[in-house]
Protein backbone atom coordinates (compact mmCIF):
# COMPACT_ATOMS: atom_id res chain seq x y z
CA MET A 1 -0.18 -0.01 -0.07
CA THR A 2 1.47 3.46 -1.02
CA ILE A 3 1.18 6.18 1.45
CA PRO A 4 -0.70 9.22 -0.37
CA SER A 5 1.16 12.58 -0.77
CA SER A 6 -1.49 14.33 1.33
CA PHE A 7 -0.87 12.28 4.02
CA LYS A 8 2.77 12.76 3.95
CA THR A 9 2.40 16.51 3.73
CA LYS A 10 0.01 16.44 7.05
CA ILE A 11 3.20 14.62 8.85
CA ALA A 12 5.64 17.18 7.78
CA ASP A 13 2.92 20.15 8.60
CA THR A 14 2.52 18.59 12.11
CA PHE A 15 5.76 17.14 13.34
CA TYR A 16 8.72 18.79 11.08
CA ASP A 17 8.99 21.95 13.16
CA LYS A 18 12.63 22.31 13.76
CA THR A 19 15.25 24.08 11.00
CA ILE A 20 18.25 22.18 9.81
CA SER A 21 21.09 23.28 8.29
CA LEU A 22 22.74 21.70 5.43
CA TYR A 23 26.46 22.61 4.81
CA SER A 24 28.53 22.32 2.04
CA THR A 25 32.50 21.40 2.82
CA SER A 26 35.61 22.00 1.27
CA ASN A 27 39.45 21.25 2.04
CA THR A 28 41.61 24.67 2.14
CA VAL A 29 45.54 24.77 2.17
CA ASP A 30 47.08 27.18 4.20
CA GLY A 31 50.63 28.52 3.32
CA GLU A 32 52.32 25.87 5.59
CA GLY A 33 50.77 23.02 3.99
CA TRP A 34 47.81 22.29 6.60
CA SER A 35 44.96 21.05 5.41
CA ARG A 36 41.83 22.40 7.09
CA LYS A 37 37.89 21.50 6.26
CA SER A 38 35.67 24.51 6.41
CA SER A 39 32.14 24.40 6.00
CA THR A 40 29.40 27.00 4.04
CA LEU A 41 25.71 26.89 4.50
CA SER A 42 24.06 25.30 1.55
CA THR A 43 20.51 25.32 2.36
CA THR A 44 17.83 24.49 5.23
CA PHE A 45 15.41 22.01 5.47
CA SER A 46 12.44 21.09 8.31
CA GLY A 47 12.51 17.94 10.47
CA ASN A 48 11.83 16.62 13.78
CA VAL A 49 14.98 16.40 15.94
CA ARG A 50 15.94 13.64 18.40
CA MET A 51 18.44 13.61 20.91
CA ASP A 52 17.56 11.54 23.91
CA ASN A 53 17.13 7.64 23.86
CA LEU A 54 19.56 7.16 21.27
CA ALA A 55 20.69 3.85 22.17
CA LYS A 56 17.12 2.43 22.14
CA LEU A 57 16.73 3.78 19.00
CA LYS A 58 20.26 2.27 17.88
CA GLU A 59 18.94 -1.06 19.15
CA ASP A 60 15.39 -0.89 17.45
CA ASN A 61 17.20 -0.39 14.18
CA GLY A 62 19.96 -2.51 14.41
CA LEU A 63 22.47 0.53 13.92
CA LYS A 64 26.35 0.25 14.71
CA GLU A 65 27.32 4.01 14.26
CA GLU A 66 27.81 6.34 17.11
CA VAL A 67 24.63 8.39 17.28
CA ASP A 68 24.62 11.95 18.70
CA LEU A 69 21.39 13.04 16.84
CA ALA A 70 18.66 11.36 15.17
CA ILE A 71 16.46 13.45 12.49
CA THR A 72 13.33 12.63 10.74
CA CYS A 73 12.04 14.63 7.59
CA ALA A 74 10.28 14.08 4.49
CA THR A 75 11.65 11.56 1.84
CA SER A 76 12.11 14.28 -0.70
CA VAL A 77 15.08 15.85 1.46
CA SER A 78 18.35 15.27 -0.42
CA VAL A 79 21.00 14.16 2.40
CA ALA A 80 23.41 11.68 2.12
CA ILE A 81 26.42 10.06 4.47
CA GLY A 82 29.22 12.48 4.79
CA ASN A 83 26.94 15.69 4.51
CA ILE A 84 27.35 18.18 7.47
CA LEU A 85 24.17 19.32 9.05
CA GLY A 86 23.69 21.83 11.88
CA TYR A 87 21.23 22.21 14.64
CA GLY A 88 21.71 24.87 17.21
CA SER A 89 25.19 25.96 17.25
CA ILE A 90 26.49 22.37 16.70
CA LYS A 91 27.36 20.56 13.68
CA TYR A 92 27.07 16.88 13.02
CA GLU A 93 28.22 14.50 10.36
CA VAL A 94 25.55 12.14 8.74
CA VAL A 95 26.50 8.68 9.48
CA GLY A 96 23.15 7.09 8.03
CA VAL A 97 20.06 7.79 6.04
CA TYR A 98 17.06 5.36 6.11
CA VAL A 99 14.16 6.05 3.89
CA PHE A 100 10.93 4.54 5.00
CA ASP A 101 7.28 5.01 3.13
CA SER A 102 6.48 8.04 5.09
CA HIS A 103 9.67 9.74 6.10
CA LYS A 104 13.42 9.36 6.20
CA LEU A 105 15.61 8.87 9.03
CA ILE A 106 19.19 10.52 9.31
CA VAL A 107 21.40 9.65 11.90
CA CYS A 108 24.24 11.77 12.90
CA ARG A 109 27.71 12.31 15.09
CA LYS A 110 28.92 15.47 16.58
CA TRP A 111 31.38 17.00 13.45
CA ARG A 112 35.05 17.80 14.33
CA LEU A 113 36.75 19.97 12.16
CA SER A 114 40.03 18.28 12.70
CA GLN A 115 39.47 14.99 11.07
């Protein structure tokens, strides 16, 4: 059974109330040869953010990755593993993207600039 678009729209309008930033990244090399990753805001999207009970989320979904943030959003949101997302004042690296009938689950870990 396929979930109608109108139902997906109602879900989005009801639950996806947080703004998440998507960043593009690039490597820059300074004059002494040190490489550094930098990020620039690319776009934003709406989603539902979860920062608690992540151990249960990992267990329920069989996830092995370290998870500091879970986001559910519309399936139309274009996010891939390795992308950098921002929520609040913290940036996160996407470590898993799982698509379901009515939503997409994105799991992230805190991003460190010096990787």
